[in-house]
């Protein structure tokens, strides 16, 4: 694909993800691509946040929904 536009719609093998703000609000996105588009971020950056390769500067926490690790961080809308 060198020199050609990326032809995918971003829905192939989509994983739902969860973003938690420092204030305790949490958001669910149907895919990493959707999260990147809605928050005006790069897709690769969101993947790195989820894989913990880089830390978000704004304090948000990112998780894949299927991992269920995000549940312990939510307590009635407050982040622990």
PDB file of N, CA and C in Angstrom:
ATOM      1  N   UNK A   1       0.802  -1.207   0.000  1.00  0.00           N
ATOM      2  CA  UNK A   1       0.000   0.000   0.000  1.00  0.00           C
ATOM      3  C   UNK A   1       0.844   1.269   0.000  1.00  0.00           C
ATOM      4  N   UNK A   2       2.114   1.136  -0.223  1.00  0.00           N
ATOM      5  CA  UNK A   2       2.982   2.310  -0.202  1.00  0.00           C
ATOM      6  C   UNK A   2       2.551   3.298  -1.285  1.00  0.00           C
ATOM      7  N   UNK A   3       2.316   4.520  -0.895  1.00  0.00           N
ATOM      8  CA  UNK A   3       1.908   5.546  -1.835  1.00  0.00           C
ATOM      9  C   UNK A   3       0.422   5.580  -2.119  1.00  0.00           C
ATOM     10  N   UNK A   4      -0.348   4.700  -1.506  1.00  0.00           N
ATOM     11  CA  UNK A   4      -1.789   4.656  -1.730  1.00  0.00           C
ATOM     12  C   UNK A   4      -2.524   5.033  -0.448  1.00  0.00           C
ATOM     13  N   UNK A   5      -3.712   5.551  -0.604  1.00  0.00           N
ATOM     14  CA  UNK A   5      -4.532   5.883   0.561  1.00  0.00           C
ATOM     15  C   UNK A   5      -4.896   4.625   1.316  1.00  0.00           C
ATOM     16  N   UNK A   6      -5.040   4.768   2.605  1.00  0.00           N
ATOM     17  CA  UNK A   6      -5.519   3.674   3.433  1.00  0.00           C
ATOM     18  C   UNK A   6      -6.985   3.429   3.084  1.00  0.00           C
ATOM     19  N   UNK A   7      -7.361   2.212   2.764  1.00  0.00           N
ATOM     20  CA  UNK A   7      -8.678   1.924   2.199  1.00  0.00           C
ATOM     21  C   UNK A   7      -9.691   1.396   3.203  1.00  0.00           C
ATOM     22  N   UNK A   8      -9.312   1.186   4.426  1.00  0.00           N
ATOM     23  CA  UNK A   8     -10.229   0.628   5.414  1.00  0.00           C
ATOM     24  C   UNK A   8     -11.158   1.700   5.977  1.00  0.00           C
ATOM     25  N   UNK A   9     -12.336   1.264   6.425  1.00  0.00           N
ATOM     26  CA  UNK A   9     -13.266   2.174   7.090  1.00  0.00           C
ATOM     27  C   UNK A   9     -13.009   2.256   8.582  1.00  0.00           C
ATOM     28  N   UNK A  10     -12.111   1.448   9.094  1.00  0.00           N
ATOM     29  CA  UNK A  10     -11.789   1.457  10.515  1.00  0.00           C
ATOM     30  C   UNK A  10     -12.696   0.584  11.354  1.00  0.00           C
ATOM     31  N   UNK A  11     -13.596  -0.181  10.731  1.00  0.00           N
ATOM     32  CA  UNK A  11     -14.511  -1.025  11.482  1.00  0.00           C
ATOM     33  C   UNK A  11     -14.054  -2.477  11.558  1.00  0.00           C
ATOM     34  N   UNK A  12     -13.043  -2.839  10.825  1.00  0.00           N
ATOM     35  CA  UNK A  12     -12.569  -4.217  10.839  1.00  0.00           C
ATOM     36  C   UNK A  12     -11.885  -4.505  12.173  1.00  0.00           C
ATOM     37  N   UNK A  13     -12.279  -5.553  12.810  1.00  0.00           N
ATOM     38  CA  UNK A  13     -11.678  -6.002  14.066  1.00  0.00           C
ATOM     39  C   UNK A  13     -11.689  -4.876  15.105  1.00  0.00           C
ATOM     40  N   UNK A  14     -12.831  -4.226  15.246  1.00  0.00           N
ATOM     41  CA  UNK A  14     -12.960  -3.093  16.161  1.00  0.00           C
ATOM     42  C   UNK A  14     -13.117  -3.583  17.599  1.00  0.00           C
ATOM     43  N   UNK A  15     -12.423  -2.920  18.509  1.00  0.00           N
ATOM     44  CA  UNK A  15     -12.517  -3.224  19.933  1.00  0.00           C
ATOM     45  C   UNK A  15     -13.131  -2.025  20.645  1.00  0.00           C
ATOM     46  N   UNK A  16     -14.138  -2.272  21.455  1.00  0.00           N
ATOM     47  CA  UNK A  16     -14.729  -1.201  22.255  1.00  0.00           C
ATOM     48  C   UNK A  16     -13.722  -0.776  23.317  1.00  0.00           C
ATOM     49  N   UNK A  17     -13.664   0.524  23.587  1.00  0.00           N
ATOM     50  CA  UNK A  17     -12.725   1.021  24.585  1.00  0.00           C
ATOM     51  C   UNK A  17     -13.421   1.989  25.534  1.00  0.00           C
ATOM     52  N   UNK A  18     -12.813   2.161  26.686  1.00  0.00           N
ATOM     53  CA  UNK A  18     -13.329   3.006  27.751  1.00  0.00           C
ATOM     54  C   UNK A  18     -12.282   4.071  28.069  1.00  0.00           C
ATOM     55  N   UNK A  19     -12.723   5.311  28.203  1.00  0.00           N
ATOM     56  CA  UNK A  19     -11.852   6.410  28.632  1.00  0.00           C
ATOM     57  C   UNK A  19     -12.423   6.988  29.919  1.00  0.00           C
ATOM     58  N   UNK A  20     -11.572   7.148  30.932  1.00  0.00           N
ATOM     59  CA  UNK A  20     -11.997   7.677  32.228  1.00  0.00           C
ATOM     60  C   UNK A  20     -11.239   8.975  32.491  1.00  0.00           C
ATOM     61  N   UNK A  21     -11.987  10.046  32.781  1.00  0.00           N
ATOM     62  CA  UNK A  21     -11.371  11.346  33.062  1.00  0.00           C
ATOM     63  C   UNK A  21     -10.950  11.403  34.534  1.00  0.00           C
ATOM     64  N   UNK A  22     -10.066  12.330  34.890  1.00  0.00           N
ATOM     65  CA  UNK A  22      -9.681  12.481  36.296  1.00  0.00           C
ATOM     66  C   UNK A  22     -10.855  12.869  37.195  1.00  0.00           C
ATOM     67  N   UNK A  23     -11.896  13.505  36.617  1.00  0.00           N
ATOM     68  CA  UNK A  23     -13.072  13.889  37.403  1.00  0.00           C
ATOM     69  C   UNK A  23     -14.004  12.712  37.671  1.00  0.00           C
ATOM     70  N   UNK A  24     -13.775  11.587  37.020  1.00  0.00           N
ATOM     71  CA  UNK A  24     -14.596  10.413  37.252  1.00  0.00           C
ATOM     72  C   UNK A  24     -15.600  10.115  36.156  1.00  0.00           C
ATOM     73  N   UNK A  25     -15.724  10.966  35.160  1.00  0.00           N
ATOM     74  CA  UNK A  25     -16.616  10.663  34.048  1.00  0.00           C
ATOM     75  C   UNK A  25     -15.960   9.600  33.178  1.00  0.00           C
ATOM     76  N   UNK A  26     -16.791   8.720  32.652  1.00  0.00           N
ATOM     77  CA  UNK A  26     -16.242   7.704  31.768  1.00  0.00           C
ATOM     78  C   UNK A  26     -17.061   7.630  30.494  1.00  0.00           C
ATOM     79  N   UNK A  27     -16.366   7.294  29.435  1.00  0.00           N
ATOM     80  CA  UNK A  27     -16.960   7.268  28.107  1.00  0.00           C
ATOM     81  C   UNK A  27     -16.651   5.932  27.451  1.00  0.00           C
ATOM     82  N   UNK A  28     -17.659   5.386  26.756  1.00  0.00           N
ATOM     83  CA  UNK A  28     -17.471   4.142  26.019  1.00  0.00           C
ATOM     84  C   UNK A  28     -17.525   4.455  24.531  1.00  0.00           C
ATOM     85  N   UNK A  29     -16.585   3.919  23.801  1.00  0.00           N
ATOM     86  CA  UNK A  29     -16.532   4.070  22.357  1.00  0.00           C
ATOM     87  C   UNK A  29     -16.603   2.688  21.724  1.00  0.00           C
ATOM     88  N   UNK A  30     -17.287   2.581  20.602  1.00  0.00           N
ATOM     89  CA  UNK A  30     -17.442   1.298  19.919  1.00  0.00           C
ATOM     90  C   UNK A  30     -16.129   0.775  19.353  1.00  0.00           C
ATOM     91  N   UNK A  31     -15.214   1.670  19.066  1.00  0.00           N
ATOM     92  CA  UNK A  31     -13.912   1.255  18.534  1.00  0.00           C
ATOM     93  C   UNK A  31     -12.862   2.298  18.894  1.00  0.00           C
ATOM     94  N   UNK A  32     -11.610   1.897  18.763  1.00  0.00           N
ATOM     95  CA  UNK A  32     -10.509   2.817  19.003  1.00  0.00           C
ATOM     96  C   UNK A  32     -10.518   3.913  17.950  1.00  0.00           C
ATOM     97  N   UNK A  33     -10.886   3.546  16.739  1.00  0.00           N
ATOM     98  CA  UNK A  33     -10.968   4.523  15.654  1.00  0.00           C
ATOM     99  C   UNK A  33     -12.016   5.583  15.959  1.00  0.00           C
ATOM    100  N   UNK A  34     -13.168   5.161  16.466  1.00  0.00           N
ATOM    101  CA  UNK A  34     -14.228   6.101  16.803  1.00  0.00           C
ATOM    102  C   UNK A  34     -13.778   7.040  17.923  1.00  0.00           C
ATOM    103  N   UNK A  35     -13.089   6.509  18.923  1.00  0.00           N
ATOM    104  CA  UNK A  35     -12.589   7.339  20.023  1.00  0.00           C
ATOM    105  C   UNK A  35     -11.616   8.385  19.498  1.00  0.00           C
ATOM    106  N   UNK A  36     -10.727   7.971  18.614  1.00  0.00           N
ATOM    107  CA  UNK A  36      -9.751   8.894  18.052  1.00  0.00           C
ATOM    108  C   UNK A  36     -10.436   9.991  17.247  1.00  0.00           C
ATOM    109  N   UNK A  37     -11.446   9.633  16.473  1.00  0.00           N
ATOM    110  CA  UNK A  37     -12.145  10.625  15.662  1.00  0.00           C
ATOM    111  C   UNK A  37     -12.932  11.601  16.517  1.00  0.00           C
ATOM    112  N   UNK A  38     -13.645  11.111  17.519  1.00  0.00           N
ATOM    113  CA  UNK A  38     -14.481  11.990  18.353  1.00  0.00           C
ATOM    114  C   UNK A  38     -13.655  12.907  19.238  1.00  0.00           C
ATOM    115  N   UNK A  39     -12.494  12.450  19.695  1.00  0.00           N
ATOM    116  CA  UNK A  39     -11.658  13.251  20.585  1.00  0.00           C
ATOM    117  C   UNK A  39     -10.546  13.977  19.838  1.00  0.00           C
ATOM    118  N   UNK A  40     -10.563  13.854  18.504  1.00  0.00           N
ATOM    119  CA  UNK A  40      -9.573  14.521  17.657  1.00  0.00           C
ATOM    120  C   UNK A  40      -8.149  14.099  18.019  1.00  0.00           C
ATOM    121  N   UNK A  41      -7.966  12.798  18.175  1.00  0.00           N
ATOM    122  CA  UNK A  41      -6.659  12.222  18.470  1.00  0.00           C
ATOM    123  C   UNK A  41      -6.239  11.311  17.323  1.00  0.00           C
ATOM    124  N   UNK A  42      -4.990  10.943  17.317  1.00  0.00           N
ATOM    125  CA  UNK A  42      -4.486   9.989  16.349  1.00  0.00           C
ATOM    126  C   UNK A  42      -4.832   8.579  16.825  1.00  0.00           C
ATOM    127  N   UNK A  43      -5.220   7.710  15.893  1.00  0.00           N
ATOM    128  CA  UNK A  43      -5.560   6.328  16.218  1.00  0.00           C
ATOM    129  C   UNK A  43      -4.407   5.627  16.927  1.00  0.00           C
ATOM    130  N   UNK A  44      -3.190   5.804  16.420  1.00  0.00           N
ATOM    131  CA  UNK A  44      -2.023   5.144  17.008  1.00  0.00           C
ATOM    132  C   UNK A  44      -1.765   5.633  18.429  1.00  0.00           C
ATOM    133  N   UNK A  45      -2.051   6.896  18.686  1.00  0.00           N
ATOM    134  CA  UNK A  45      -1.862   7.449  20.028  1.00  0.00           C
ATOM    135  C   UNK A  45      -2.826   6.800  21.010  1.00  0.00           C
ATOM    136  N   UNK A  46      -4.073   6.629  20.625  1.00  0.00           N
ATOM    137  CA  UNK A  46      -5.060   5.989  21.506  1.00  0.00           C
ATOM    138  C   UNK A  46      -4.646   4.551  21.784  1.00  0.00           C
ATOM    139  N   UNK A  47      -4.158   3.848  20.781  1.00  0.00           N
ATOM    140  CA  UNK A  47      -3.684   2.473  20.998  1.00  0.00           C
ATOM    141  C   UNK A  47      -2.525   2.443  21.989  1.00  0.00           C
ATOM    142  N   UNK A  48      -1.636   3.398  21.898  1.00  0.00           N
ATOM    143  CA  UNK A  48      -0.509   3.449  22.837  1.00  0.00           C
ATOM    144  C   UNK A  48      -0.975   3.769  24.255  1.00  0.00           C
ATOM    145  N   UNK A  49      -2.003   4.609  24.385  1.00  0.00           N
ATOM    146  CA  UNK A  49      -2.576   4.873  25.702  1.00  0.00           C
ATOM    147  C   UNK A  49      -3.127   3.584  26.298  1.00  0.00           C
ATOM    148  N   UNK A  50      -3.855   2.827  25.498  1.00  0.00           N
ATOM    149  CA  UNK A  50      -4.475   1.591  25.985  1.00  0.00           C
ATOM    150  C   UNK A  50      -3.415   0.562  26.357  1.00  0.00           C
ATOM    151  N   UNK A  51      -2.356   0.478  25.575  1.00  0.00           N
ATOM    152  CA  UNK A  51      -1.292  -0.498  25.838  1.00  0.00           C
ATOM    153  C   UNK A  51      -0.294  -0.010  26.893  1.00  0.00           C
ATOM    154  N   UNK A  52      -0.512   1.185  27.413  1.00  0.00           N
ATOM    155  CA  UNK A  52       0.327   1.795  28.450  1.00  0.00           C
ATOM    156  C   UNK A  52       1.760   2.053  27.975  1.00  0.00           C
ATOM    157  N   UNK A  53       1.936   2.253  26.663  1.00  0.00           N
ATOM    158  CA  UNK A  53       3.272   2.574  26.148  1.00  0.00           C
ATOM    159  C   UNK A  53       3.592   4.042  26.359  1.00  0.00           C
ATOM    160  N   UNK A  54       2.563   4.887  26.348  1.00  0.00           N
ATOM    161  CA  UNK A  54       2.729   6.294  26.693  1.00  0.00           C
ATOM    162  C   UNK A  54       1.605   6.688  27.646  1.00  0.00           C
ATOM    163  N   UNK A  55       1.865   7.716  28.450  1.00  0.00           N
ATOM    164  CA  UNK A  55       0.889   8.168  29.436  1.00  0.00           C
ATOM    165  C   UNK A  55       0.225   9.452  28.938  1.00  0.00           C
ATOM    166  N   UNK A  56      -1.108   9.521  28.974  1.00  0.00           N
ATOM    167  CA  UNK A  56      -1.786  10.744  28.531  1.00  0.00           C
ATOM    168  C   UNK A  56      -1.429  11.929  29.432  1.00  0.00           C
ATOM    169  N   UNK A  57      -1.177  13.069  28.821  1.00  0.00           N
ATOM    170  CA  UNK A  57      -0.825  14.271  29.574  1.00  0.00           C
ATOM    171  C   UNK A  57      -2.013  14.851  30.334  1.00  0.00           C
ATOM    172  N   UNK A  58      -3.245  14.551  29.877  1.00  0.00           N
ATOM    173  CA  UNK A  58      -4.426  15.121  30.513  1.00  0.00           C
ATOM    174  C   UNK A  58      -4.947  14.287  31.683  1.00  0.00           C
ATOM    175  N   UNK A  59      -4.299  13.170  31.994  1.00  0.00           N
ATOM    176  CA  UNK A  59      -4.687  12.363  33.138  1.00  0.00           C
ATOM    177  C   UNK A  59      -5.777  11.340  32.876  1.00  0.00           C
ATOM    178  N   UNK A  60      -6.235  11.232  31.645  1.00  0.00           N
ATOM    179  CA  UNK A  60      -7.257  10.247  31.318  1.00  0.00           C
ATOM    180  C   UNK A  60      -6.655   8.854  31.403  1.00  0.00           C
ATOM    181  N   UNK A  61      -7.505   7.878  31.697  1.00  0.00           N
ATOM    182  CA  UNK A  61      -7.093   6.479  31.700  1.00  0.00           C
ATOM    183  C   UNK A  61      -7.853   5.766  30.590  1.00  0.00           C
ATOM    184  N   UNK A  62      -7.168   4.905  29.871  1.00  0.00           N
ATOM    185  CA  UNK A  62      -7.751   4.204  28.723  1.00  0.00           C
ATOM    186  C   UNK A  62      -7.694   2.708  28.946  1.00  0.00           C
ATOM    187  N   UNK A  63      -8.786   2.017  28.576  1.00  0.00           N
ATOM    188  CA  UNK A  63      -8.883   0.569  28.728  1.00  0.00           C
ATOM    189  C   UNK A  63      -9.670  -0.021  27.561  1.00  0.00           C
ATOM    190  N   UNK A  64      -9.411  -1.279  27.264  1.00  0.00           N
ATOM    191  CA  UNK A  64     -10.296  -2.019  26.378  1.00  0.00           C
ATOM    192  C   UNK A  64     -11.465  -2.509  27.213  1.00  0.00           C
ATOM    193  N   UNK A  65     -12.651  -2.460  26.669  1.00  0.00           N
ATOM    194  CA  UNK A  65     -13.831  -2.848  27.431  1.00  0.00           C
ATOM    195  C   UNK A  65     -13.789  -4.318  27.844  1.00  0.00           C
ATOM    196  N   UNK A  66     -13.255  -5.169  26.995  1.00  0.00           N
ATOM    197  CA  UNK A  66     -13.265  -6.604  27.274  1.00  0.00           C
ATOM    198  C   UNK A  66     -12.305  -6.998  28.399  1.00  0.00           C
ATOM    199  N   UNK A  67     -11.364  -6.133  28.760  1.00  0.00           N
ATOM    200  CA  UNK A  67     -10.395  -6.460  29.812  1.00  0.00           C
ATOM    201  C   UNK A  67     -10.987  -6.392  31.209  1.00  0.00           C
ATOM    202  N   UNK A  68     -12.029  -5.618  31.412  1.00  0.00           N
ATOM    203  CA  UNK A  68     -12.712  -5.449  32.696  1.00  0.00           C
ATOM    204  C   UNK A  68     -11.833  -4.856  33.790  1.00  0.00           C
ATOM    205  N   UNK A  69     -10.632  -4.396  33.475  1.00  0.00           N
ATOM    206  CA  UNK A  69      -9.791  -3.732  34.480  1.00  0.00           C
ATOM    207  C   UNK A  69     -10.322  -2.348  34.823  1.00  0.00           C
ATOM    208  N   UNK A  70     -11.085  -1.771  33.945  1.00  0.00           N
ATOM    209  CA  UNK A  70     -11.596  -0.421  34.139  1.00  0.00           C
ATOM    210  C   UNK A  70     -12.693  -0.378  35.188  1.00  0.00           C
ATOM    211  N   UNK A  71     -13.355  -1.495  35.451  1.00  0.00           N
ATOM    212  CA  UNK A  71     -14.477  -1.516  36.394  1.00  0.00           C
ATOM    213  C   UNK A  71     -14.018  -1.147  37.801  1.00  0.00           C
ATOM    214  N   UNK A  72     -12.843  -1.601  38.204  1.00  0.00           N
ATOM    215  CA  UNK A  72     -12.371  -1.302  39.557  1.00  0.00           C
ATOM    216  C   UNK A  72     -11.988   0.163  39.737  1.00  0.00           C
ATOM    217  N   UNK A  73     -11.848   0.905  38.657  1.00  0.00           N
ATOM    218  CA  UNK A  73     -11.500   2.317  38.736  1.00  0.00           C
ATOM    219  C   UNK A  73     -12.729   3.218  38.845  1.00  0.00           C
ATOM    220  N   UNK A  74     -13.904   2.633  38.708  1.00  0.00           N
ATOM    221  CA  UNK A  74     -15.137   3.428  38.756  1.00  0.00           C
ATOM    222  C   UNK A  74     -15.899   3.073  40.029  1.00  0.00           C
ATOM    223  N   UNK A  75     -16.248   4.074  40.818  1.00  0.00           N
ATOM    224  CA  UNK A  75     -17.023   3.871  42.039  1.00  0.00           C
ATOM    225  C   UNK A  75     -18.048   4.985  42.132  1.00  0.00           C
ATOM    226  N   UNK A  76     -19.258   4.698  41.641  1.00  0.00           N
ATOM    227  CA  UNK A  76     -20.351   5.662  41.620  1.00  0.00           C
ATOM    228  C   UNK A  76     -19.953   6.982  40.971  1.00  0.00           C
ATOM    229  N   UNK A  77     -19.273   6.887  39.850  1.00  0.00           N
ATOM    230  CA  UNK A  77     -18.903   8.083  39.117  1.00  0.00           C
ATOM    231  C   UNK A  77     -17.621   8.731  39.579  1.00  0.00           C
ATOM    232  N   UNK A  78     -17.001   8.219  40.633  1.00  0.00           N
ATOM    233  CA  UNK A  78     -15.753   8.774  41.129  1.00  0.00           C
ATOM    234  C   UNK A  78     -14.621   7.824  40.781  1.00  0.00           C
ATOM    235  N   UNK A  79     -13.521   8.384  40.365  1.00  0.00           N
ATOM    236  CA  UNK A  79     -12.357   7.557  40.050  1.00  0.00           C
ATOM    237  C   UNK A  79     -11.543   7.345  41.334  1.00  0.00           C
ATOM    238  N   UNK A  80     -11.021   6.170  41.479  1.00  0.00           N
ATOM    239  CA  UNK A  80     -10.222   5.860  42.679  1.00  0.00           C
ATOM    240  C   UNK A  80      -8.757   6.195  42.450  1.00  0.00           C
TER     241      UNK A  80
END
